[in-house]
Amino acid sequence: MSTSASQPVKTRKLGELKKGQTGTIVSVRGNPSIPADLVMIQRLLEMGLLEGATVELVHEAPFGGDPVAVRVRGSLVALRRQEANHVEVTHE
């Protein structure tokens, strides 16, 4: 009798995806004791970066710089890589 254990889901930061890669949002995180993080998290959520949404990195500045452009829920959103790194995704 063989049993297969499910493998843990590997997550990465949205800012670590390469152009053309997609993922599913697992969480949007920040440090709740830092007011600027709370404002940024609220802004990301308002732009549609919600848990379960599929995102695709469609553009990144040369040499891995800012900004990155992601497609989420039918919209194209430009983010600083620092902001994108607050979004955890499962890479597809």
C-alpha atoms as a PDB file:
ATOM      1  CA  MET A   1       0.000   0.000   0.000  1.00  0.00           C
ATOM      2  CA  SER A   2       1.518   3.273  -1.067  1.00  0.00           C
ATOM      3  CA  THR A   3       0.598   6.616   0.372  1.00  0.00           C
ATOM      4  CA  SER A   4       1.607   9.852  -1.209  1.00  0.00           C
ATOM      5  CA  ALA A   5       2.104  12.755   1.098  1.00  0.00           C
ATOM      6  CA  SER A   6       1.137  16.058  -0.412  1.00  0.00           C
ATOM      7  CA  GLN A   7       4.093  18.315  -0.880  1.00  0.00           C
ATOM      8  CA  PRO A   8       4.055  21.700   0.838  1.00  0.00           C
ATOM      9  CA  VAL A   9       3.121  24.572  -1.420  1.00  0.00           C
ATOM     10  CA  LYS A  10       6.147  26.683  -2.295  1.00  0.00           C
ATOM     11  CA  THR A  11       5.572  30.394  -2.244  1.00  0.00           C
ATOM     12  CA  ARG A  12       7.647  33.288  -3.432  1.00  0.00           C
ATOM     13  CA  LYS A  13       7.359  37.039  -3.507  1.00  0.00           C
ATOM     14  CA  LEU A  14       5.568  38.612  -6.453  1.00  0.00           C
ATOM     15  CA  GLY A  15       8.643  40.780  -7.055  1.00  0.00           C
ATOM     16  CA  GLU A  16      10.741  37.623  -7.622  1.00  0.00           C
ATOM     17  CA  LEU A  17       8.718  36.454 -10.636  1.00  0.00           C
ATOM     18  CA  LYS A  18      10.220  36.922 -14.071  1.00  0.00           C
ATOM     19  CA  LYS A  19       8.468  38.439 -17.070  1.00  0.00           C
ATOM     20  CA  GLY A  20       5.724  36.122 -18.328  1.00  0.00           C
ATOM     21  CA  GLN A  21       5.468  34.063 -15.136  1.00  0.00           C
ATOM     22  CA  THR A  22       2.151  33.701 -13.345  1.00  0.00           C
ATOM     23  CA  GLY A  23       1.111  32.861  -9.826  1.00  0.00           C
ATOM     24  CA  THR A  24      -1.808  32.824  -7.422  1.00  0.00           C
ATOM     25  CA  ILE A  25      -1.851  35.249  -4.512  1.00  0.00           C
ATOM     26  CA  VAL A  26      -1.574  33.512  -1.153  1.00  0.00           C
ATOM     27  CA  SER A  27      -1.279  36.580   1.075  1.00  0.00           C
ATOM     28  CA  VAL A  28      -0.487  40.286   1.264  1.00  0.00           C
ATOM     29  CA  ARG A  29       1.736  40.949   4.253  1.00  0.00           C
ATOM     30  CA  GLY A  30       3.420  43.768   6.039  1.00  0.00           C
ATOM     31  CA  ASN A  31       4.426  44.803   9.526  1.00  0.00           C
ATOM     32  CA  PRO A  32       1.241  45.931  11.315  1.00  0.00           C
ATOM     33  CA  SER A  33       3.247  48.076  13.749  1.00  0.00           C
ATOM     34  CA  ILE A  34       4.472  50.262  10.866  1.00  0.00           C
ATOM     35  CA  PRO A  35       1.742  52.697   9.743  1.00  0.00           C
ATOM     36  CA  ALA A  36       3.231  53.015   6.242  1.00  0.00           C
ATOM     37  CA  ASP A  37       2.962  49.237   5.787  1.00  0.00           C
ATOM     38  CA  LEU A  38      -0.718  49.310   6.741  1.00  0.00           C
ATOM     39  CA  VAL A  39      -1.391  52.046   4.185  1.00  0.00           C
ATOM     40  CA  MET A  40       0.523  50.137   1.503  1.00  0.00           C
ATOM     41  CA  ILE A  41      -1.299  46.870   2.235  1.00  0.00           C
ATOM     42  CA  GLN A  42      -4.652  48.668   1.996  1.00  0.00           C
ATOM     43  CA  ARG A  43      -3.590  50.199  -1.324  1.00  0.00           C
ATOM     44  CA  LEU A  44      -2.514  46.804  -2.731  1.00  0.00           C
ATOM     45  CA  LEU A  45      -5.829  45.245  -1.691  1.00  0.00           C
ATOM     46  CA  GLU A  46      -7.779  48.120  -3.257  1.00  0.00           C
ATOM     47  CA  MET A  47      -5.907  47.536  -6.549  1.00  0.00           C
ATOM     48  CA  GLY A  48      -7.250  43.984  -6.640  1.00  0.00           C
ATOM     49  CA  LEU A  49      -4.274  42.081  -5.252  1.00  0.00           C
ATOM     50  CA  LEU A  50      -6.537  39.769  -3.266  1.00  0.00           C
ATOM     51  CA  GLU A  51      -5.940  36.262  -1.964  1.00  0.00           C
ATOM     52  CA  GLY A  52      -6.764  33.713  -4.662  1.00  0.00           C
ATOM     53  CA  ALA A  53      -6.352  36.124  -7.588  1.00  0.00           C
ATOM     54  CA  THR A  54      -4.123  35.072 -10.481  1.00  0.00           C
ATOM     55  CA  VAL A  55      -1.308  37.503 -11.311  1.00  0.00           C
ATOM     56  CA  GLU A  56       1.081  37.663 -14.248  1.00  0.00           C
ATOM     57  CA  LEU A  57       4.258  39.720 -14.332  1.00  0.00           C
ATOM     58  CA  VAL A  58       4.065  41.378 -17.742  1.00  0.00           C
ATOM     59  CA  HIS A  59       6.914  43.897 -17.547  1.00  0.00           C
ATOM     60  CA  GLU A  60       9.983  44.560 -15.452  1.00  0.00           C
ATOM     61  CA  ALA A  61      12.403  47.423 -15.774  1.00  0.00           C
ATOM     62  CA  PRO A  62      15.868  46.623 -17.160  1.00  0.00           C
ATOM     63  CA  PHE A  63      18.387  45.098 -14.757  1.00  0.00           C
ATOM     64  CA  GLY A  64      15.704  43.994 -12.304  1.00  0.00           C
ATOM     65  CA  GLY A  65      14.774  47.515 -11.315  1.00  0.00           C
ATOM     66  CA  ASP A  66      11.527  49.360 -10.730  1.00  0.00           C
ATOM     67  CA  PRO A  67       8.758  49.369 -11.668  1.00  0.00           C
ATOM     68  CA  VAL A  68       7.183  46.015 -12.437  1.00  0.00           C
ATOM     69  CA  ALA A  69       3.819  45.705 -14.176  1.00  0.00           C
ATOM     70  CA  VAL A  70       1.429  42.928 -13.223  1.00  0.00           C
ATOM     71  CA  ARG A  71      -1.884  41.862 -14.695  1.00  0.00           C
ATOM     72  CA  VAL A  72      -4.443  41.076 -12.011  1.00  0.00           C
ATOM     73  CA  ARG A  73      -8.210  40.683 -12.359  1.00  0.00           C
ATOM     74  CA  GLY A  74      -8.119  42.175 -15.878  1.00  0.00           C
ATOM     75  CA  SER A  75      -6.164  45.296 -14.898  1.00  0.00           C
ATOM     76  CA  LEU A  76      -2.555  46.257 -15.486  1.00  0.00           C
ATOM     77  CA  VAL A  77      -0.951  47.579 -12.297  1.00  0.00           C
ATOM     78  CA  ALA A  78       2.501  49.140 -11.912  1.00  0.00           C
ATOM     79  CA  LEU A  79       4.269  48.509  -8.611  1.00  0.00           C
ATOM     80  CA  ARG A  80       7.628  49.189  -7.080  1.00  0.00           C
ATOM     81  CA  ARG A  81       9.450  45.942  -6.514  1.00  0.00           C
ATOM     82  CA  GLN A  82       9.439  46.718  -2.773  1.00  0.00           C
ATOM     83  CA  GLU A  83       5.621  46.827  -2.859  1.00  0.00           C
ATOM     84  CA  ALA A  84       5.419  43.657  -4.966  1.00  0.00           C
ATOM     85  CA  ASN A  85       7.562  41.852  -2.408  1.00  0.00           C
ATOM     86  CA  HIS A  86       4.771  42.190   0.171  1.00  0.00           C
ATOM     87  CA  VAL A  87       2.614  39.884  -1.973  1.00  0.00           C
ATOM     88  CA  GLU A  88       3.228  36.114  -1.551  1.00  0.00           C
ATOM     89  CA  VAL A  89       2.286  33.942  -4.528  1.00  0.00           C
ATOM     90  CA  THR A  90       2.414  30.307  -5.510  1.00  0.00           C
ATOM     91  CA  HIS A  91       4.363  30.089  -8.745  1.00  0.00           C
ATOM     92  CA  GLU A  92       2.627  28.227 -11.582  1.00  0.00           C
END
